[in-house]
Amino acid sequence: MVVAGEEQQRLGRDAPVTAEELQRGLTAAHGPGIEVGEVLWASRFGDAARQLERYRHGRVLFAGDAAHIHLPIGGQGLNLGLQDAANLGWKLARTVHGHGGLLDSYHDERHPVAARVLLSTRAQGVLGVPDPDAMAVREIITGLLATPDARRATALELSGIGIGYPATFGRATDVPASPDGRAVLVGAPLPEGWADRVETRDGPQPRLVRPDGYVAWAGGPGLDAALRQWFGPPVESLVDSSAGRMTMRPDNGQKPGYPLTR
């Protein structure tokens, strides 16, 4: 329960949250029929909205509350931080294994998403202000949310499920992640040189799914370019028949992050 009224506007952020205060908020919103039992946890919070200009500063990367803060209404900060980590984690792994230049895409993809959340929470904060003008806007918004399309669009935005990135084709909710962290190529043959980073699966709809679940290619031309962009150059096999040893190296001649042996 979030209580935001005239009483809360007057109280300092260090004032204790009491059961009596919560009861007054419940009664004001729903009448005398609901009573507060036990308060298990309560806190006060402000409506500050802040965001770093850059999520990457050299070798230091920021995610979650270190990168952005906002009004906690709707619990959007939890999903936002988890999505930061999901976006950054596999890119860090690829960077460790020699794929340079990928980390900058973390800022490029995630910064606009958090900026939108800050915009949303600021708007929601205004709707909760006990002011006649804000109440008028809230009544209009309530009427708009009576339509199914508006409810669905709002739910997708508040949950974070509906976000997308400019260079992707939405999320592949029907494609389970690879257990070893590789990307997944569905319904198309994998060009030679990427088997160590991409798993193949059968399926009627051709897609290249990144480890974070977003589709990097959706059929047609451009598979090779998408593979290079997100997973680095292909590697070629070099077999020493006398030693029975196989190593993998990128076709640009650089040493890979992890040689394969057998």
C-alpha atoms as a PDB file:
ATOM      1  CA  MET A   1       0.000   0.000   0.000  1.00  0.00           C
ATOM      2  CA  VAL A   2       1.268   3.469  -0.877  1.00  0.00           C
ATOM      3  CA  VAL A   3      -0.215   6.411   1.000  1.00  0.00           C
ATOM      4  CA  ALA A   4       0.300   9.880  -0.473  1.00  0.00           C
ATOM      5  CA  GLY A   5      -1.902  12.632   0.874  1.00  0.00           C
ATOM      6  CA  GLU A   6      -1.796  16.021   2.560  1.00  0.00           C
ATOM      7  CA  GLU A   7      -0.549  14.475   5.808  1.00  0.00           C
ATOM      8  CA  GLN A   8       2.357  12.794   4.056  1.00  0.00           C
ATOM      9  CA  GLN A   9       3.241  16.016   2.255  1.00  0.00           C
ATOM     10  CA  ARG A  10       3.701  17.764   5.615  1.00  0.00           C
ATOM     11  CA  LEU A  11       5.720  15.042   7.380  1.00  0.00           C
ATOM     12  CA  GLY A  12       9.503  14.846   7.268  1.00  0.00           C
ATOM     13  CA  ARG A  13      11.162  11.769   5.779  1.00  0.00           C
ATOM     14  CA  ASP A  14      12.529  10.768   9.214  1.00  0.00           C
ATOM     15  CA  ALA A  15       9.104  10.726  10.852  1.00  0.00           C
ATOM     16  CA  PRO A  16       8.093   7.182  11.904  1.00  0.00           C
ATOM     17  CA  VAL A  17       5.322   5.473   9.928  1.00  0.00           C
ATOM     18  CA  THR A  18       2.608   4.506  12.392  1.00  0.00           C
ATOM     19  CA  ALA A  19      -0.365   2.174  12.102  1.00  0.00           C
ATOM     20  CA  GLU A  20      -2.612   5.140  12.891  1.00  0.00           C
ATOM     21  CA  GLU A  21      -1.263   7.068   9.903  1.00  0.00           C
ATOM     22  CA  LEU A  22      -1.857   4.100   7.622  1.00  0.00           C
ATOM     23  CA  GLN A  23      -5.370   3.680   9.021  1.00  0.00           C
ATOM     24  CA  ARG A  24      -6.189   7.285   8.216  1.00  0.00           C
ATOM     25  CA  GLY A  25      -4.985   6.731   4.643  1.00  0.00           C
ATOM     26  CA  LEU A  26      -7.057   3.553   4.258  1.00  0.00           C
ATOM     27  CA  THR A  27     -10.162   5.195   5.659  1.00  0.00           C
ATOM     28  CA  ALA A  28      -9.776   8.196   3.366  1.00  0.00           C
ATOM     29  CA  ALA A  29      -9.504   5.945   0.303  1.00  0.00           C
ATOM     30  CA  HIS A  30     -11.933   3.112   1.116  1.00  0.00           C
ATOM     31  CA  GLY A  31     -14.111   4.201   4.033  1.00  0.00           C
ATOM     32  CA  PRO A  32     -14.213   2.748   7.535  1.00  0.00           C
ATOM     33  CA  GLY A  33     -14.687  -0.896   6.481  1.00  0.00           C
ATOM     34  CA  ILE A  34     -10.963  -1.824   6.347  1.00  0.00           C
ATOM     35  CA  GLU A  35      -8.786  -1.861   9.457  1.00  0.00           C
ATOM     36  CA  VAL A  36      -5.014  -2.068   9.768  1.00  0.00           C
ATOM     37  CA  GLY A  37      -3.884  -5.176  11.594  1.00  0.00           C
ATOM     38  CA  GLU A  38      -0.114  -5.506  11.959  1.00  0.00           C
ATOM     39  CA  VAL A  39       2.428  -3.332  10.159  1.00  0.00           C
ATOM     40  CA  LEU A  40       5.253  -5.646   9.101  1.00  0.00           C
ATOM     41  CA  TRP A  41       7.359  -3.095   7.206  1.00  0.00           C
ATOM     42  CA  ALA A  42       6.972   0.579   6.378  1.00  0.00           C
ATOM     43  CA  SER A  43       9.205   3.382   5.149  1.00  0.00           C
ATOM     44  CA  ARG A  44       9.043   6.863   3.732  1.00  0.00           C
ATOM     45  CA  PHE A  45      10.494   7.786   0.382  1.00  0.00           C
ATOM     46  CA  GLY A  46      10.908  10.818  -1.804  1.00  0.00           C
ATOM     47  CA  ASP A  47      10.245  11.402  -5.478  1.00  0.00           C
ATOM     48  CA  ALA A  48      13.789  12.228  -6.621  1.00  0.00           C
ATOM     49  CA  ALA A  49      14.463  11.204 -10.231  1.00  0.00           C
ATOM     50  CA  ARG A  50      18.154  10.962 -11.145  1.00  0.00           C
ATOM     51  CA  GLN A  51      20.094   9.144 -13.830  1.00  0.00           C
ATOM     52  CA  LEU A  52      23.766   8.921 -14.746  1.00  0.00           C
ATOM     53  CA  GLU A  53      24.680  10.543 -18.043  1.00  0.00           C
ATOM     54  CA  ARG A  54      26.807   7.520 -18.950  1.00  0.00           C
ATOM     55  CA  TYR A  55      26.508   3.948 -17.658  1.00  0.00           C
ATOM     56  CA  ARG A  56      30.121   3.192 -18.577  1.00  0.00           C
ATOM     57  CA  HIS A  57      33.138   5.105 -17.351  1.00  0.00           C
ATOM     58  CA  GLY A  58      36.144   3.205 -18.640  1.00  0.00           C
ATOM     59  CA  ARG A  59      36.373  -0.083 -16.741  1.00  0.00           C
ATOM     60  CA  VAL A  60      33.559   0.915 -14.369  1.00  0.00           C
ATOM     61  CA  LEU A  61      29.976   0.065 -15.324  1.00  0.00           C
ATOM     62  CA  PHE A  62      26.852   1.092 -13.416  1.00  0.00           C
ATOM     63  CA  ALA A  63      23.578  -0.785 -13.078  1.00  0.00           C
ATOM     64  CA  GLY A  64      20.457  -0.745 -10.929  1.00  0.00           C
ATOM     65  CA  ASP A  65      20.148   1.905  -8.236  1.00  0.00           C
ATOM     66  CA  ALA A  66      23.757   2.974  -8.866  1.00  0.00           C
ATOM     67  CA  ALA A  67      22.700   4.125 -12.350  1.00  0.00           C
ATOM     68  CA  HIS A  68      19.214   5.508 -11.685  1.00  0.00           C
ATOM     69  CA  ILE A  69      16.849   6.348  -8.819  1.00  0.00           C
ATOM     70  CA  HIS A  70      13.187   7.244  -8.935  1.00  0.00           C
ATOM     71  CA  LEU A  71       9.923   7.145  -7.056  1.00  0.00           C
ATOM     72  CA  PRO A  72       9.432   3.462  -6.107  1.00  0.00           C
ATOM     73  CA  ILE A  73       5.744   3.461  -7.025  1.00  0.00           C
ATOM     74  CA  GLY A  74       4.769   0.341  -8.933  1.00  0.00           C
ATOM     75  CA  GLY A  75       7.969  -1.507  -8.006  1.00  0.00           C
ATOM     76  CA  GLN A  76       9.515  -0.720 -11.389  1.00  0.00           C
ATOM     77  CA  GLY A  77      13.029  -0.304 -10.003  1.00  0.00           C
ATOM     78  CA  LEU A  78      13.410  -4.045  -9.288  1.00  0.00           C
ATOM     79  CA  ASN A  79      12.662  -5.094 -12.858  1.00  0.00           C
ATOM     80  CA  LEU A  80      14.763  -2.228 -14.199  1.00  0.00           C
ATOM     81  CA  GLY A  81      17.824  -3.306 -12.219  1.00  0.00           C
ATOM     82  CA  LEU A  82      17.406  -6.977 -13.130  1.00  0.00           C
ATOM     83  CA  GLN A  83      17.148  -6.075 -16.804  1.00  0.00           C
ATOM     84  CA  ASP A  84      20.314  -3.979 -16.499  1.00  0.00           C
ATOM     85  CA  ALA A  85      22.124  -7.023 -15.128  1.00  0.00           C
ATOM     86  CA  ALA A  86      20.709  -9.364 -17.779  1.00  0.00           C
ATOM     87  CA  ASN A  87      21.772  -6.992 -20.544  1.00  0.00           C
ATOM     88  CA  LEU A  88      25.238  -6.400 -19.119  1.00  0.00           C
ATOM     89  CA  GLY A  89      26.106  -9.910 -17.932  1.00  0.00           C
ATOM     90  CA  TRP A  90      26.409 -11.705 -21.248  1.00  0.00           C
ATOM     91  CA  LYS A  91      28.183  -8.734 -22.812  1.00  0.00           C
ATOM     92  CA  LEU A  92      30.788  -8.825 -20.040  1.00  0.00           C
ATOM     93  CA  ALA A  93      31.241 -12.541 -20.688  1.00  0.00           C
ATOM     94  CA  ARG A  94      31.764 -11.967 -24.396  1.00  0.00           C
ATOM     95  CA  THR A  95      34.233  -9.148 -23.648  1.00  0.00           C
ATOM     96  CA  VAL A  96      36.238 -11.405 -21.340  1.00  0.00           C
ATOM     97  CA  HIS A  97      36.452 -13.893 -24.204  1.00  0.00           C
ATOM     98  CA  GLY A  98      37.908 -11.355 -26.597  1.00  0.00           C
ATOM     99  CA  HIS A  99      34.930  -9.625 -28.236  1.00  0.00           C
ATOM    100  CA  GLY A 100      35.880  -5.965 -27.894  1.00  0.00           C
ATOM    101  CA  GLY A 101      33.544  -3.036 -28.493  1.00  0.00           C
ATOM    102  CA  LEU A 102      30.411  -4.727 -27.180  1.00  0.00           C
ATOM    103  CA  LEU A 103      30.184  -3.029 -23.775  1.00  0.00           C
ATOM    104  CA  ASP A 104      29.219   0.368 -25.205  1.00  0.00           C
ATOM    105  CA  SER A 105      25.945  -1.162 -26.396  1.00  0.00           C
ATOM    106  CA  TYR A 106      24.979  -1.647 -22.736  1.00  0.00           C
ATOM    107  CA  HIS A 107      24.612   2.112 -22.249  1.00  0.00           C
ATOM    108  CA  ASP A 108      23.056   2.587 -25.670  1.00  0.00           C
ATOM    109  CA  GLU A 109      20.317   0.019 -24.957  1.00  0.00           C
ATOM    110  CA  ARG A 110      19.629   0.518 -21.259  1.00  0.00           C
ATOM    111  CA  HIS A 111      19.932   4.285 -20.742  1.00  0.00           C
ATOM    112  CA  PRO A 112      16.807   5.142 -22.814  1.00  0.00           C
ATOM    113  CA  VAL A 113      14.813   2.446 -20.975  1.00  0.00           C
ATOM    114  CA  ALA A 114      15.589   3.928 -17.561  1.00  0.00           C
ATOM    115  CA  ALA A 115      14.920   7.444 -18.850  1.00  0.00           C
ATOM    116  CA  ARG A 116      11.432   6.303 -19.826  1.00  0.00           C
ATOM    117  CA  VAL A 117      10.872   4.748 -16.393  1.00  0.00           C
ATOM    118  CA  LEU A 118      11.897   7.988 -14.717  1.00  0.00           C
ATOM    119  CA  LEU A 119       9.414   9.837 -16.926  1.00  0.00           C
ATOM    120  CA  SER A 120       6.710   7.340 -15.996  1.00  0.00           C
ATOM    121  CA  THR A 121       7.333   7.474 -12.250  1.00  0.00           C
ATOM    122  CA  ARG A 122       7.409  11.272 -12.279  1.00  0.00           C
ATOM    123  CA  ALA A 123       4.046  11.279 -14.023  1.00  0.00           C
ATOM    124  CA  GLN A 124       2.647   8.771 -11.516  1.00  0.00           C
ATOM    125  CA  GLY A 125       3.949  10.922  -8.674  1.00  0.00           C
ATOM    126  CA  VAL A 126       2.058  13.925 -10.022  1.00  0.00           C
ATOM    127  CA  LEU A 127      -1.125  11.840 -10.230  1.00  0.00           C
ATOM    128  CA  GLY A 128      -0.834  11.112  -6.511  1.00  0.00           C
ATOM    129  CA  VAL A 129      -0.568  14.738  -5.409  1.00  0.00           C
ATOM    130  CA  PRO A 130      -3.676  15.859  -3.476  1.00  0.00           C
ATOM    131  CA  ASP A 131      -4.301  18.800  -5.788  1.00  0.00           C
ATOM    132  CA  PRO A 132      -7.521  19.561  -7.743  1.00  0.00           C
ATOM    133  CA  ASP A 133      -5.655  19.820 -11.047  1.00  0.00           C
ATOM    134  CA  ALA A 134      -3.861  16.519 -10.477  1.00  0.00           C
ATOM    135  CA  MET A 135      -7.151  14.894  -9.482  1.00  0.00           C
ATOM    136  CA  ALA A 136      -8.696  16.075 -12.752  1.00  0.00           C
ATOM    137  CA  VAL A 137      -5.838  14.532 -14.727  1.00  0.00           C
ATOM    138  CA  ARG A 138      -6.153  11.328 -12.694  1.00  0.00           C
ATOM    139  CA  GLU A 139      -9.837  11.067 -13.551  1.00  0.00           C
ATOM    140  CA  ILE A 140      -9.092  11.438 -17.263  1.00  0.00           C
ATOM    141  CA  ILE A 141      -6.337   8.801 -17.078  1.00  0.00           C
ATOM    142  CA  THR A 142      -8.667   6.440 -15.227  1.00  0.00           C
ATOM    143  CA  GLY A 143     -11.188   6.781 -18.034  1.00  0.00           C
ATOM    144  CA  LEU A 144      -8.558   6.051 -20.676  1.00  0.00           C
ATOM    145  CA  LEU A 145      -7.435   2.933 -18.801  1.00  0.00           C
ATOM    146  CA  ALA A 146     -10.960   1.559 -19.090  1.00  0.00           C
ATOM    147  CA  THR A 147     -10.085   0.549 -22.667  1.00  0.00           C
ATOM    148  CA  PRO A 148      -8.336  -2.857 -23.098  1.00  0.00           C
ATOM    149  CA  ASP A 149      -5.635  -1.570 -25.452  1.00  0.00           C
ATOM    150  CA  ALA A 150      -4.620   1.197 -23.051  1.00  0.00           C
ATOM    151  CA  ARG A 151      -4.563  -1.206 -20.107  1.00  0.00           C
ATOM    152  CA  ARG A 152      -2.377  -3.660 -22.013  1.00  0.00           C
ATOM    153  CA  ALA A 153       0.062  -0.982 -23.186  1.00  0.00           C
ATOM    154  CA  THR A 154       0.339   0.427 -19.668  1.00  0.00           C
ATOM    155  CA  ALA A 155       0.861  -3.019 -18.144  1.00  0.00           C
ATOM    156  CA  LEU A 156       3.618  -3.855 -20.647  1.00  0.00           C
ATOM    157  CA  GLU A 157       5.390  -0.596 -19.868  1.00  0.00           C
ATOM    158  CA  LEU A 158       5.097  -0.743 -16.069  1.00  0.00           C
ATOM    159  CA  SER A 159       6.206  -4.379 -15.937  1.00  0.00           C
ATOM    160  CA  GLY A 160       9.133  -3.843 -18.310  1.00  0.00           C
ATOM    161  CA  ILE A 161       7.980  -6.758 -20.475  1.00  0.00           C
ATOM    162  CA  GLY A 162       7.196  -4.511 -23.423  1.00  0.00           C
ATOM    163  CA  ILE A 163      10.583  -2.833 -23.798  1.00  0.00           C
ATOM    164  CA  GLY A 164      12.673  -3.319 -26.919  1.00  0.00           C
ATOM    165  CA  TYR A 165      16.028  -2.222 -28.285  1.00  0.00           C
ATOM    166  CA  PRO A 166      16.557  -0.452 -31.643  1.00  0.00           C
ATOM    167  CA  ALA A 167      18.733  -3.180 -33.193  1.00  0.00           C
ATOM    168  CA  THR A 168      16.524  -6.090 -32.101  1.00  0.00           C
ATOM    169  CA  PHE A 169      13.179  -7.613 -33.060  1.00  0.00           C
ATOM    170  CA  GLY A 170      11.482  -7.990 -29.681  1.00  0.00           C
ATOM    171  CA  ARG A 171      11.798 -10.793 -27.159  1.00  0.00           C
ATOM    172  CA  ALA A 172      11.647 -14.518 -27.950  1.00  0.00           C
ATOM    173  CA  THR A 173       9.501 -15.632 -25.024  1.00  0.00           C
ATOM    174  CA  ASP A 174       9.070 -19.097 -26.550  1.00  0.00           C
ATOM    175  CA  VAL A 175      12.798 -19.848 -26.855  1.00  0.00           C
ATOM    176  CA  PRO A 176      14.407 -21.099 -23.621  1.00  0.00           C
ATOM    177  CA  ALA A 177      17.883 -19.780 -22.912  1.00  0.00           C
ATOM    178  CA  SER A 178      20.860 -21.995 -23.635  1.00  0.00           C
ATOM    179  CA  PRO A 179      22.087 -23.646 -20.415  1.00  0.00           C
ATOM    180  CA  ASP A 180      25.707 -22.739 -21.165  1.00  0.00           C
ATOM    181  CA  GLY A 181      25.082 -19.063 -21.956  1.00  0.00           C
ATOM    182  CA  ARG A 182      25.334 -19.287 -25.733  1.00  0.00           C
ATOM    183  CA  ALA A 183      22.990 -17.529 -28.124  1.00  0.00           C
ATOM    184  CA  VAL A 184      20.311 -19.651 -29.823  1.00  0.00           C
ATOM    185  CA  LEU A 185      19.791 -19.839 -33.591  1.00  0.00           C
ATOM    186  CA  VAL A 186      16.365 -21.253 -34.433  1.00  0.00           C
ATOM    187  CA  GLY A 187      15.240 -22.547 -37.803  1.00  0.00           C
ATOM    188  CA  ALA A 188      18.358 -21.739 -39.824  1.00  0.00           C
ATOM    189  CA  PRO A 189      21.779 -23.300 -40.515  1.00  0.00           C
ATOM    190  CA  LEU A 190      24.634 -21.785 -38.524  1.00  0.00           C
ATOM    191  CA  PRO A 191      27.511 -20.449 -40.631  1.00  0.00           C
ATOM    192  CA  GLU A 192      30.843 -22.068 -39.865  1.00  0.00           C
ATOM    193  CA  GLY A 193      32.869 -20.555 -37.067  1.00  0.00           C
ATOM    194  CA  TRP A 194      30.307 -19.658 -34.404  1.00  0.00           C
ATOM    195  CA  ALA A 195      29.390 -23.030 -32.849  1.00  0.00           C
ATOM    196  CA  ASP A 196      31.314 -22.176 -29.675  1.00  0.00           C
ATOM    197  CA  ARG A 197      29.033 -19.157 -29.087  1.00  0.00           C
ATOM    198  CA  VAL A 198      25.739 -20.111 -30.740  1.00  0.00           C
ATOM    199  CA  GLU A 199      23.502 -23.156 -30.200  1.00  0.00           C
ATOM    200  CA  THR A 200      21.221 -24.309 -33.024  1.00  0.00           C
ATOM    201  CA  ARG A 201      17.655 -25.582 -32.691  1.00  0.00           C
ATOM    202  CA  ASP A 202      14.887 -26.593 -35.061  1.00  0.00           C
ATOM    203  CA  GLY A 203      11.917 -24.307 -35.468  1.00  0.00           C
ATOM    204  CA  PRO A 204       9.547 -22.880 -38.065  1.00  0.00           C
ATOM    205  CA  GLN A 205      10.489 -19.232 -37.461  1.00  0.00           C
ATOM    206  CA  PRO A 206      14.125 -18.289 -38.177  1.00  0.00           C
ATOM    207  CA  ARG A 207      15.567 -16.216 -35.328  1.00  0.00           C
ATOM    208  CA  LEU A 208      18.883 -15.482 -33.667  1.00  0.00           C
ATOM    209  CA  VAL A 209      18.195 -15.024 -29.968  1.00  0.00           C
ATOM    210  CA  ARG A 210      20.725 -13.290 -27.756  1.00  0.00           C
ATOM    211  CA  PRO A 211      21.472 -14.724 -24.288  1.00  0.00           C
ATOM    212  CA  ASP A 212      19.222 -12.052 -22.747  1.00  0.00           C
ATOM    213  CA  GLY A 213      16.239 -13.252 -24.812  1.00  0.00           C
ATOM    214  CA  TYR A 214      16.132 -10.493 -27.436  1.00  0.00           C
ATOM    215  CA  VAL A 215      16.016 -11.365 -31.140  1.00  0.00           C
ATOM    216  CA  ALA A 216      19.062 -10.085 -33.032  1.00  0.00           C
ATOM    217  CA  TRP A 217      17.991 -11.455 -36.445  1.00  0.00           C
ATOM    218  CA  ALA A 218      14.583 -12.533 -37.695  1.00  0.00           C
ATOM    219  CA  GLY A 219      15.122 -14.233 -41.042  1.00  0.00           C
ATOM    220  CA  GLY A 220      16.240 -13.013 -44.446  1.00  0.00           C
ATOM    221  CA  PRO A 221      19.645 -11.459 -45.127  1.00  0.00           C
ATOM    222  CA  GLY A 222      21.871 -10.186 -42.364  1.00  0.00           C
ATOM    223  CA  LEU A 223      22.550 -13.293 -40.263  1.00  0.00           C
ATOM    224  CA  ASP A 224      26.309 -13.075 -40.726  1.00  0.00           C
ATOM    225  CA  ALA A 225      26.297  -9.373 -39.843  1.00  0.00           C
ATOM    226  CA  ALA A 226      24.222 -10.004 -36.694  1.00  0.00           C
ATOM    227  CA  LEU A 227      26.545 -12.806 -35.608  1.00  0.00           C
ATOM    228  CA  ARG A 228      29.581 -10.581 -36.029  1.00  0.00           C
ATOM    229  CA  GLN A 229      27.949  -7.629 -34.277  1.00  0.00           C
ATOM    230  CA  TRP A 230      26.891  -9.490 -31.147  1.00  0.00           C
ATOM    231  CA  PHE A 231      29.242 -12.473 -30.963  1.00  0.00           C
ATOM    232  CA  GLY A 232      32.433 -11.439 -32.706  1.00  0.00           C
ATOM    233  CA  PRO A 233      34.124 -12.852 -35.810  1.00  0.00           C
ATOM    234  CA  PRO A 234      33.996 -16.545 -36.723  1.00  0.00           C
ATOM    235  CA  VAL A 235      36.869 -18.826 -35.836  1.00  0.00           C
ATOM    236  CA  GLU A 236      38.619 -21.309 -38.095  1.00  0.00           C
ATOM    237  CA  SER A 237      39.787 -24.758 -37.022  1.00  0.00           C
ATOM    238  CA  LEU A 238      43.480 -25.540 -37.047  1.00  0.00           C
ATOM    239  CA  VAL A 239      44.145 -29.257 -36.606  1.00  0.00           C
ATOM    240  CA  ASP A 240      47.579 -30.652 -35.730  1.00  0.00           C
ATOM    241  CA  SER A 241      47.184 -34.224 -36.942  1.00  0.00           C
ATOM    242  CA  SER A 242      50.388 -35.408 -35.274  1.00  0.00           C
ATOM    243  CA  ALA A 243      49.323 -34.233 -31.836  1.00  0.00           C
ATOM    244  CA  GLY A 244      45.582 -34.714 -32.280  1.00  0.00           C
ATOM    245  CA  ARG A 245      45.029 -31.168 -31.058  1.00  0.00           C
ATOM    246  CA  MET A 246      42.522 -28.639 -32.368  1.00  0.00           C
ATOM    247  CA  THR A 247      42.602 -24.947 -31.590  1.00  0.00           C
ATOM    248  CA  MET A 248      40.158 -22.226 -32.564  1.00  0.00           C
ATOM    249  CA  ARG A 249      41.187 -18.740 -33.594  1.00  0.00           C
ATOM    250  CA  PRO A 250      39.204 -15.738 -34.896  1.00  0.00           C
ATOM    251  CA  ASP A 251      39.490 -15.119 -38.604  1.00  0.00           C
ATOM    252  CA  ASN A 252      41.021 -11.730 -37.816  1.00  0.00           C
ATOM    253  CA  GLY A 253      44.103 -13.510 -36.443  1.00  0.00           C
ATOM    254  CA  GLN A 254      43.619 -12.428 -32.813  1.00  0.00           C
ATOM    255  CA  LYS A 255      43.983 -14.911 -30.009  1.00  0.00           C
ATOM    256  CA  PRO A 256      40.606 -16.173 -28.764  1.00  0.00           C
ATOM    257  CA  GLY A 257      39.629 -15.936 -25.144  1.00  0.00           C
ATOM    258  CA  TYR A 258      39.469 -19.683 -24.743  1.00  0.00           C
ATOM    259  CA  PRO A 259      41.263 -22.248 -26.969  1.00  0.00           C
ATOM    260  CA  LEU A 260      39.466 -25.523 -27.485  1.00  0.00           C
ATOM    261  CA  THR A 261      41.432 -28.759 -27.214  1.00  0.00           C
ATOM    262  CA  ARG A 262      40.694 -32.394 -27.812  1.00  0.00           C
END
